[in-house]
N, C-alpha and C. Protein backbone atom coordinates (compact mmCIF):
# COMPACT_ATOMS: atom_id res chain seq x y z
N MET A 1 104.86 88.15 114.05
CA MET A 1 104.57 89.49 113.59
C MET A 1 104.13 90.33 114.79
N PRO A 2 104.78 91.46 115.01
CA PRO A 2 104.39 92.32 116.13
C PRO A 2 102.95 92.81 116.00
N PHE A 3 102.38 93.16 117.14
CA PHE A 3 100.97 93.55 117.19
C PHE A 3 100.66 94.75 116.29
N LEU A 4 101.51 95.79 116.32
CA LEU A 4 101.25 96.98 115.51
C LEU A 4 101.34 96.67 114.02
N ALA A 5 102.26 95.78 113.65
CA ALA A 5 102.34 95.37 112.24
C ALA A 5 101.10 94.59 111.84
N LEU A 6 100.57 93.82 112.78
CA LEU A 6 99.33 93.08 112.52
C LEU A 6 98.17 94.06 112.32
N LEU A 7 98.14 95.12 113.12
CA LEU A 7 97.11 96.15 112.94
C LEU A 7 97.26 96.84 111.58
N GLN A 8 98.50 97.05 111.17
CA GLN A 8 98.74 97.68 109.88
C GLN A 8 98.22 96.78 108.75
N THR A 9 98.42 95.48 108.89
CA THR A 9 97.86 94.53 107.92
C THR A 9 96.34 94.57 107.96
N GLY A 10 95.78 94.72 109.15
CA GLY A 10 94.32 94.84 109.27
C GLY A 10 93.79 96.05 108.53
N CYS A 11 94.55 97.13 108.52
CA CYS A 11 94.15 98.32 107.75
C CYS A 11 94.06 98.00 106.27
N LEU A 12 94.98 97.17 105.78
CA LEU A 12 94.94 96.80 104.36
C LEU A 12 93.73 95.91 104.06
N ILE A 13 93.34 95.10 105.02
CA ILE A 13 92.15 94.27 104.85
C ILE A 13 90.90 95.17 104.81
N VAL A 14 90.86 96.15 105.69
CA VAL A 14 89.73 97.10 105.68
C VAL A 14 89.70 97.86 104.36
N LEU A 15 90.87 98.26 103.86
CA LEU A 15 90.94 98.92 102.55
C LEU A 15 90.33 98.03 101.48
N ALA A 16 90.70 96.77 101.47
CA ALA A 16 90.17 95.84 100.46
C ALA A 16 88.65 95.72 100.56
N ILE A 17 88.14 95.64 101.77
CA ILE A 17 86.68 95.53 101.96
C ILE A 17 85.99 96.79 101.46
N LEU A 18 86.54 97.96 101.79
CA LEU A 18 85.95 99.22 101.32
C LEU A 18 85.97 99.32 99.79
N LEU A 19 87.03 98.83 99.18
CA LEU A 19 87.11 98.86 97.71
C LEU A 19 86.08 97.96 97.07
N VAL A 20 85.86 96.79 97.65
CA VAL A 20 84.84 95.88 97.11
C VAL A 20 83.45 96.50 97.26
N ILE A 21 83.20 97.14 98.40
CA ILE A 21 81.92 97.81 98.61
C ILE A 21 81.73 98.94 97.59
N ALA A 22 82.79 99.72 97.36
CA ALA A 22 82.69 100.82 96.39
C ALA A 22 82.42 100.29 94.98
N ALA A 23 83.09 99.22 94.61
CA ALA A 23 82.87 98.63 93.28
C ALA A 23 81.43 98.15 93.14
N TRP A 24 80.95 97.46 94.16
CA TRP A 24 79.58 96.94 94.12
C TRP A 24 78.56 98.07 94.07
N GLN A 25 78.79 99.10 94.88
CA GLN A 25 77.88 100.24 94.90
C GLN A 25 77.85 100.94 93.54
N ASP A 26 79.01 101.11 92.93
CA ASP A 26 79.08 101.76 91.62
C ASP A 26 78.41 100.91 90.55
N LEU A 27 78.58 99.61 90.62
CA LEU A 27 77.92 98.72 89.65
C LEU A 27 76.40 98.79 89.78
N ARG A 28 75.91 98.89 91.00
CA ARG A 28 74.46 98.91 91.22
C ARG A 28 73.82 100.25 90.93
N THR A 29 74.52 101.36 91.25
CA THR A 29 73.87 102.67 91.20
C THR A 29 74.56 103.71 90.33
N LEU A 30 75.73 103.40 89.80
CA LEU A 30 76.57 104.37 89.08
C LEU A 30 76.87 105.58 89.97
N ASN A 31 77.04 105.31 91.26
CA ASN A 31 77.32 106.35 92.23
C ASN A 31 78.19 105.75 93.33
N ILE A 32 79.19 106.51 93.78
CA ILE A 32 80.04 106.08 94.89
C ILE A 32 79.81 107.06 96.03
N SER A 33 79.34 106.54 97.13
CA SER A 33 79.06 107.37 98.30
C SER A 33 80.32 108.07 98.78
N ASN A 34 80.18 109.33 99.22
CA ASN A 34 81.32 110.08 99.74
C ASN A 34 81.95 109.42 100.96
N SER A 35 81.17 108.65 101.69
CA SER A 35 81.70 108.02 102.90
C SER A 35 82.77 106.98 102.60
N LEU A 36 82.74 106.38 101.44
CA LEU A 36 83.73 105.34 101.12
C LEU A 36 85.13 105.93 100.90
N PRO A 37 85.31 106.93 100.02
CA PRO A 37 86.65 107.52 99.92
C PRO A 37 87.12 108.15 101.23
N LEU A 38 86.20 108.76 101.96
CA LEU A 38 86.56 109.35 103.25
C LEU A 38 87.04 108.27 104.22
N SER A 39 86.36 107.14 104.23
CA SER A 39 86.78 106.02 105.09
C SER A 39 88.15 105.51 104.69
N ILE A 40 88.42 105.48 103.39
CA ILE A 40 89.73 105.02 102.91
C ILE A 40 90.82 106.00 103.37
N VAL A 41 90.53 107.28 103.34
CA VAL A 41 91.50 108.28 103.82
C VAL A 41 91.77 108.08 105.31
N ILE A 42 90.71 107.82 106.08
CA ILE A 42 90.88 107.59 107.52
C ILE A 42 91.73 106.33 107.76
N VAL A 43 91.46 105.28 107.00
CA VAL A 43 92.25 104.06 107.13
C VAL A 43 93.71 104.34 106.76
N PHE A 44 93.94 105.19 105.75
CA PHE A 44 95.31 105.55 105.39
C PHE A 44 96.02 106.27 106.53
N VAL A 45 95.31 107.17 107.19
CA VAL A 45 95.91 107.90 108.31
C VAL A 45 96.32 106.93 109.41
N VAL A 46 95.43 106.00 109.76
CA VAL A 46 95.75 105.01 110.79
C VAL A 46 96.91 104.13 110.33
N TRP A 47 96.87 103.67 109.08
CA TRP A 47 97.93 102.82 108.52
C TRP A 47 99.27 103.56 108.55
N SER A 48 99.26 104.83 108.21
CA SER A 48 100.49 105.63 108.20
C SER A 48 101.04 105.81 109.60
N ILE A 49 100.17 106.12 110.55
CA ILE A 49 100.62 106.29 111.94
C ILE A 49 101.25 104.99 112.45
N LEU A 50 100.58 103.88 112.17
CA LEU A 50 101.14 102.59 112.59
C LEU A 50 102.48 102.33 111.91
N GLY A 51 102.59 102.69 110.63
CA GLY A 51 103.85 102.51 109.91
C GLY A 51 104.96 103.38 110.45
N LEU A 52 104.62 104.60 110.83
CA LEU A 52 105.61 105.50 111.41
C LEU A 52 106.08 105.00 112.78
N VAL A 53 105.15 104.47 113.56
CA VAL A 53 105.50 103.96 114.89
C VAL A 53 106.35 102.69 114.78
N THR A 54 106.00 101.81 113.86
CA THR A 54 106.75 100.55 113.72
C THR A 54 108.04 100.72 112.93
N GLY A 55 108.19 101.83 112.25
CA GLY A 55 109.40 102.06 111.48
C GLY A 55 109.35 101.52 110.06
N THR A 56 108.17 101.05 109.62
CA THR A 56 108.06 100.57 108.24
C THR A 56 107.82 101.71 107.26
N LEU A 57 107.51 102.89 107.78
CA LEU A 57 107.33 104.09 106.95
C LEU A 57 108.14 105.23 107.56
N ILE A 58 108.52 106.16 106.70
CA ILE A 58 109.11 107.40 107.19
C ILE A 58 108.22 108.55 106.76
N ALA A 59 108.34 109.66 107.45
CA ALA A 59 107.44 110.79 107.19
C ALA A 59 107.53 111.27 105.75
N GLY A 60 108.71 111.19 105.15
CA GLY A 60 108.87 111.61 103.76
C GLY A 60 108.04 110.77 102.80
N GLU A 61 107.94 109.48 103.09
CA GLU A 61 107.12 108.60 102.23
C GLU A 61 105.65 108.97 102.32
N VAL A 62 105.21 109.29 103.53
CA VAL A 62 103.81 109.69 103.72
C VAL A 62 103.54 111.00 102.97
N ALA A 63 104.48 111.93 103.05
CA ALA A 63 104.33 113.21 102.35
C ALA A 63 104.32 113.00 100.83
N LEU A 64 105.18 112.13 100.34
CA LEU A 64 105.19 111.84 98.89
C LEU A 64 103.88 111.17 98.46
N SER A 65 103.34 110.32 99.31
CA SER A 65 102.06 109.68 99.00
C SER A 65 100.96 110.74 98.89
N ALA A 66 100.97 111.68 99.82
CA ALA A 66 99.98 112.77 99.76
C ALA A 66 100.16 113.60 98.49
N GLY A 67 101.42 113.85 98.12
CA GLY A 67 101.69 114.59 96.89
C GLY A 67 101.20 113.86 95.65
N CYS A 68 101.40 112.54 95.61
CA CYS A 68 100.90 111.75 94.48
C CYS A 68 99.38 111.80 94.41
N ALA A 69 98.74 111.73 95.57
CA ALA A 69 97.27 111.79 95.60
C ALA A 69 96.78 113.14 95.10
N VAL A 70 97.44 114.22 95.50
CA VAL A 70 97.05 115.55 95.04
C VAL A 70 97.22 115.67 93.53
N LEU A 71 98.33 115.16 93.02
CA LEU A 71 98.57 115.21 91.58
C LEU A 71 97.52 114.41 90.81
N LEU A 72 97.21 113.22 91.30
CA LEU A 72 96.19 112.41 90.64
C LEU A 72 94.83 113.11 90.72
N PHE A 73 94.54 113.73 91.87
CA PHE A 73 93.28 114.46 92.00
C PHE A 73 93.17 115.57 90.97
N LEU A 74 94.25 116.33 90.77
CA LEU A 74 94.21 117.43 89.81
C LEU A 74 93.96 116.92 88.39
N VAL A 75 94.61 115.85 88.03
CA VAL A 75 94.41 115.28 86.68
C VAL A 75 92.99 114.72 86.54
N ALA A 76 92.54 113.98 87.57
CA ALA A 76 91.21 113.39 87.51
C ALA A 76 90.12 114.46 87.57
N ALA A 77 90.35 115.54 88.32
CA ALA A 77 89.38 116.63 88.39
C ALA A 77 89.24 117.31 87.04
N ALA A 78 90.33 117.40 86.30
CA ALA A 78 90.26 117.94 84.94
C ALA A 78 89.41 117.03 84.06
N GLY A 79 89.56 115.72 84.25
CA GLY A 79 88.71 114.77 83.52
C GLY A 79 87.25 114.90 83.91
N PHE A 80 86.99 115.16 85.18
CA PHE A 80 85.62 115.38 85.63
C PHE A 80 85.04 116.64 85.01
N ALA A 81 85.86 117.71 84.98
CA ALA A 81 85.41 118.97 84.40
C ALA A 81 85.08 118.81 82.92
N ALA A 82 85.79 117.92 82.26
CA ALA A 82 85.54 117.67 80.84
C ALA A 82 84.42 116.66 80.62
N GLY A 83 83.85 116.13 81.70
CA GLY A 83 82.75 115.18 81.57
C GLY A 83 83.21 113.77 81.23
N MET A 84 84.48 113.48 81.44
CA MET A 84 85.02 112.18 81.07
C MET A 84 84.97 111.16 82.20
N VAL A 85 84.87 111.62 83.43
CA VAL A 85 84.91 110.73 84.58
C VAL A 85 83.97 111.29 85.66
N GLY A 86 83.43 110.40 86.46
CA GLY A 86 82.50 110.82 87.51
C GLY A 86 83.23 111.34 88.74
N GLY A 87 82.53 112.12 89.53
CA GLY A 87 83.10 112.69 90.73
C GLY A 87 83.45 111.64 91.78
N GLY A 88 82.63 110.62 91.91
CA GLY A 88 82.93 109.54 92.85
C GLY A 88 84.18 108.79 92.46
N ASP A 89 84.37 108.61 91.15
CA ASP A 89 85.58 107.95 90.65
C ASP A 89 86.82 108.77 90.99
N VAL A 90 86.71 110.09 90.86
CA VAL A 90 87.83 110.99 91.19
C VAL A 90 88.20 110.83 92.65
N LYS A 91 87.21 110.87 93.52
CA LYS A 91 87.47 110.78 94.96
C LYS A 91 88.02 109.41 95.35
N LEU A 92 87.46 108.35 94.77
CA LEU A 92 87.93 107.00 95.09
C LEU A 92 89.37 106.80 94.62
N ALA A 93 89.68 107.22 93.40
CA ALA A 93 91.04 107.07 92.88
C ALA A 93 92.03 107.88 93.70
N THR A 94 91.63 109.07 94.11
CA THR A 94 92.51 109.91 94.93
C THR A 94 92.80 109.25 96.27
N ALA A 95 91.77 108.70 96.90
CA ALA A 95 91.95 108.05 98.19
C ALA A 95 92.88 106.84 98.07
N VAL A 96 92.71 106.05 97.02
CA VAL A 96 93.57 104.89 96.82
C VAL A 96 95.00 105.31 96.50
N ALA A 97 95.15 106.43 95.80
CA ALA A 97 96.49 106.92 95.46
C ALA A 97 97.31 107.23 96.71
N LEU A 98 96.65 107.56 97.82
CA LEU A 98 97.37 107.75 99.08
C LEU A 98 98.13 106.49 99.45
N PHE A 99 97.47 105.35 99.34
CA PHE A 99 98.13 104.08 99.65
C PHE A 99 99.18 103.73 98.61
N ALA A 100 98.91 104.04 97.35
CA ALA A 100 99.84 103.67 96.28
C ALA A 100 101.16 104.41 96.42
N GLY A 101 101.08 105.69 96.70
CA GLY A 101 102.31 106.47 96.83
C GLY A 101 103.12 106.44 95.56
N PRO A 102 104.34 106.96 95.60
CA PRO A 102 105.15 107.00 94.39
C PRO A 102 105.61 105.62 93.92
N SER A 103 105.72 104.67 94.84
CA SER A 103 106.25 103.36 94.45
C SER A 103 105.23 102.49 93.73
N LEU A 104 103.94 102.68 94.00
CA LEU A 104 102.92 101.83 93.39
C LEU A 104 101.93 102.60 92.52
N LEU A 105 102.14 103.90 92.33
CA LEU A 105 101.17 104.69 91.58
C LEU A 105 101.06 104.24 90.12
N VAL A 106 102.19 103.98 89.50
CA VAL A 106 102.15 103.53 88.10
C VAL A 106 101.45 102.18 87.99
N ASP A 107 101.75 101.28 88.92
CA ASP A 107 101.07 99.97 88.93
C ASP A 107 99.57 100.15 89.09
N PHE A 108 99.17 101.03 90.04
CA PHE A 108 97.76 101.30 90.28
C PHE A 108 97.09 101.79 89.01
N LEU A 109 97.67 102.78 88.36
CA LEU A 109 97.08 103.34 87.15
C LEU A 109 97.04 102.33 86.01
N LEU A 110 98.07 101.49 85.92
CA LEU A 110 98.10 100.47 84.88
C LEU A 110 96.99 99.44 85.07
N VAL A 111 96.82 98.97 86.30
CA VAL A 111 95.75 97.99 86.57
C VAL A 111 94.39 98.63 86.36
N VAL A 112 94.21 99.87 86.79
CA VAL A 112 92.94 100.57 86.57
C VAL A 112 92.66 100.69 85.07
N GLY A 113 93.69 101.04 84.30
CA GLY A 113 93.52 101.17 82.85
C GLY A 113 93.15 99.86 82.19
N ILE A 114 93.82 98.79 82.59
CA ILE A 114 93.53 97.47 82.00
C ILE A 114 92.13 97.02 82.38
N ALA A 115 91.79 97.13 83.67
CA ALA A 115 90.46 96.72 84.12
C ALA A 115 89.38 97.58 83.47
N GLY A 116 89.63 98.88 83.34
CA GLY A 116 88.68 99.77 82.67
C GLY A 116 88.52 99.41 81.19
N GLY A 117 89.62 99.05 80.55
CA GLY A 117 89.55 98.63 79.16
C GLY A 117 88.73 97.37 78.99
N VAL A 118 88.90 96.43 79.91
CA VAL A 118 88.10 95.20 79.86
C VAL A 118 86.62 95.53 80.06
N LEU A 119 86.33 96.42 81.02
CA LEU A 119 84.93 96.84 81.22
C LEU A 119 84.37 97.49 79.95
N GLY A 120 85.17 98.34 79.32
CA GLY A 120 84.73 98.99 78.08
C GLY A 120 84.44 98.00 76.98
N ILE A 121 85.30 97.01 76.83
CA ILE A 121 85.08 95.98 75.80
C ILE A 121 83.81 95.20 76.10
N ILE A 122 83.59 94.90 77.38
CA ILE A 122 82.36 94.18 77.76
C ILE A 122 81.12 95.00 77.40
N VAL A 123 81.17 96.31 77.67
CA VAL A 123 80.03 97.18 77.33
C VAL A 123 79.84 97.24 75.82
N LEU A 124 80.93 97.37 75.07
CA LEU A 124 80.83 97.41 73.61
C LEU A 124 80.29 96.10 73.04
N ALA A 125 80.56 95.00 73.74
CA ALA A 125 80.06 93.71 73.29
C ALA A 125 78.56 93.56 73.55
N GLY A 126 77.98 94.51 74.29
CA GLY A 126 76.55 94.48 74.52
C GLY A 126 76.13 93.86 75.83
N VAL A 127 77.09 93.54 76.69
CA VAL A 127 76.75 92.97 77.99
C VAL A 127 76.29 94.11 78.90
N PRO A 128 75.12 94.00 79.52
CA PRO A 128 74.65 95.08 80.39
C PRO A 128 75.50 95.16 81.66
N VAL A 129 76.09 96.33 81.89
CA VAL A 129 76.90 96.58 83.08
C VAL A 129 76.33 97.80 83.77
N GLY A 130 75.88 97.63 84.98
CA GLY A 130 75.30 98.75 85.72
C GLY A 130 73.81 98.86 85.49
N PRO A 131 73.16 99.75 86.22
CA PRO A 131 71.70 99.84 86.19
C PRO A 131 71.14 100.50 84.93
N VAL A 132 71.84 101.46 84.35
CA VAL A 132 71.29 102.15 83.18
C VAL A 132 72.15 101.96 81.94
N ALA A 133 73.33 101.42 82.11
CA ALA A 133 74.20 101.25 80.95
C ALA A 133 73.57 100.26 79.98
N ASN A 134 73.66 100.57 78.72
CA ASN A 134 73.17 99.72 77.63
C ASN A 134 71.66 99.55 77.61
N ALA A 135 70.93 100.29 78.40
CA ALA A 135 69.47 100.13 78.42
C ALA A 135 68.90 100.49 77.06
N GLY A 136 68.52 99.46 76.30
CA GLY A 136 67.92 99.67 75.00
C GLY A 136 68.91 100.08 73.92
N GLU A 137 70.19 100.00 74.18
CA GLU A 137 71.19 100.40 73.18
C GLU A 137 71.57 99.18 72.35
N ALA A 138 71.09 99.13 71.12
CA ALA A 138 71.36 97.97 70.28
C ALA A 138 72.58 98.17 69.38
N THR A 139 72.97 99.41 69.15
CA THR A 139 74.08 99.67 68.25
C THR A 139 75.36 99.96 69.03
N VAL A 140 76.48 99.76 68.37
CA VAL A 140 77.77 100.07 69.00
C VAL A 140 77.84 101.57 69.30
N ARG A 141 77.34 102.39 68.40
CA ARG A 141 77.34 103.84 68.62
C ARG A 141 76.54 104.20 69.88
N GLY A 142 75.41 103.54 70.08
CA GLY A 142 74.62 103.78 71.27
C GLY A 142 75.34 103.34 72.53
N ARG A 143 76.04 102.21 72.44
CA ARG A 143 76.78 101.73 73.60
C ARG A 143 77.98 102.62 73.91
N LEU A 144 78.55 103.27 72.88
CA LEU A 144 79.67 104.18 73.11
C LEU A 144 79.23 105.40 73.92
N HIS A 145 77.97 105.73 73.86
CA HIS A 145 77.46 106.90 74.58
C HIS A 145 76.88 106.53 75.95
N SER A 146 76.89 105.25 76.28
CA SER A 146 76.35 104.85 77.59
C SER A 146 77.39 105.12 78.68
N ARG A 147 76.91 105.25 79.90
CA ARG A 147 77.81 105.51 81.03
C ARG A 147 78.47 104.20 81.46
N LEU A 148 79.73 104.31 81.86
CA LEU A 148 80.50 103.13 82.27
C LEU A 148 80.79 103.21 83.77
N SER A 149 80.47 102.17 84.47
CA SER A 149 80.77 102.08 85.89
C SER A 149 82.28 101.81 86.04
N TYR A 150 83.04 102.84 86.47
CA TYR A 150 84.50 102.71 86.53
C TYR A 150 84.99 102.37 87.94
N GLY A 151 84.10 102.36 88.93
CA GLY A 151 84.48 101.99 90.28
C GLY A 151 85.12 100.62 90.38
N PRO A 152 84.60 99.61 89.66
CA PRO A 152 85.25 98.29 89.73
C PRO A 152 86.69 98.31 89.21
N ALA A 153 86.97 99.12 88.21
CA ALA A 153 88.34 99.20 87.69
C ALA A 153 89.26 99.86 88.73
N ILE A 154 88.77 100.91 89.37
CA ILE A 154 89.56 101.57 90.41
C ILE A 154 89.76 100.62 91.58
N ALA A 155 88.72 99.87 91.92
CA ALA A 155 88.84 98.90 93.01
C ALA A 155 89.86 97.81 92.67
N ALA A 156 89.90 97.37 91.41
CA ALA A 156 90.89 96.36 91.01
C ALA A 156 92.30 96.90 91.20
N GLY A 157 92.52 98.14 90.80
CA GLY A 157 93.83 98.75 91.00
C GLY A 157 94.15 98.90 92.48
N GLY A 158 93.15 99.26 93.27
CA GLY A 158 93.35 99.40 94.71
C GLY A 158 93.65 98.07 95.38
N LEU A 159 93.01 97.01 94.93
CA LEU A 159 93.29 95.69 95.48
C LEU A 159 94.71 95.25 95.13
N TRP A 160 95.16 95.62 93.94
CA TRP A 160 96.55 95.34 93.54
C TRP A 160 97.51 96.06 94.49
N VAL A 161 97.22 97.32 94.78
CA VAL A 161 98.05 98.12 95.69
C VAL A 161 98.05 97.48 97.09
N ALA A 162 96.86 97.11 97.58
CA ALA A 162 96.77 96.51 98.91
C ALA A 162 97.58 95.22 98.98
N ALA A 163 97.50 94.41 97.93
CA ALA A 163 98.27 93.16 97.92
C ALA A 163 99.77 93.45 97.91
N GLY A 164 100.18 94.44 97.13
CA GLY A 164 101.59 94.80 97.08
C GLY A 164 102.10 95.31 98.42
N LEU A 165 101.29 96.11 99.09
CA LEU A 165 101.69 96.63 100.41
C LEU A 165 101.72 95.52 101.45
N ALA A 166 100.77 94.58 101.36
CA ALA A 166 100.76 93.46 102.31
C ALA A 166 102.00 92.60 102.14
N CYS A 167 102.42 92.38 100.91
CA CYS A 167 103.64 91.60 100.66
C CYS A 167 104.87 92.33 101.19
N ALA A 168 104.87 93.64 101.11
CA ALA A 168 106.01 94.43 101.57
C ALA A 168 106.11 94.44 103.10
N LEU A 169 105.00 94.19 103.80
CA LEU A 169 105.02 94.21 105.26
C LEU A 169 105.65 92.95 105.85
N LYS A 170 105.78 91.90 105.07
CA LYS A 170 106.32 90.64 105.60
C LYS A 170 107.79 90.70 105.85
């Protein structure tokens, strides 16, 4: 494997580490630091430059990835405005969508949806998830109104994307 391709794989490893940190941070505090999505965007820029230099990416693919991220941001921002999703979740999902691009965006959203559904079922079952979720909520109605840490679901989708991209680099 050429050195630049190895560096590109290293970017995917850094992405995975950042996603795990974001999931853990969201589980502990129900907050995702702005530095994590920003770091993911920086890693994407480096990954893209390496891909353009090695010939594994073309400029059009990078532009389409940016377009997908903007589209996802607009939809997620509408969810934030409606109070359905947190701002950190919007930023994290948008940053990961850069890596997903048009070829993996549907996969990313599907994995996020499935992982989020599993988290929701766990919360409805009464398992405490996060620092304030389910605190003193004994009824299903009370648990429906508790906040859900969605960072782990986004991280699961991002890890799926990273694995798919790593397989494509071989």
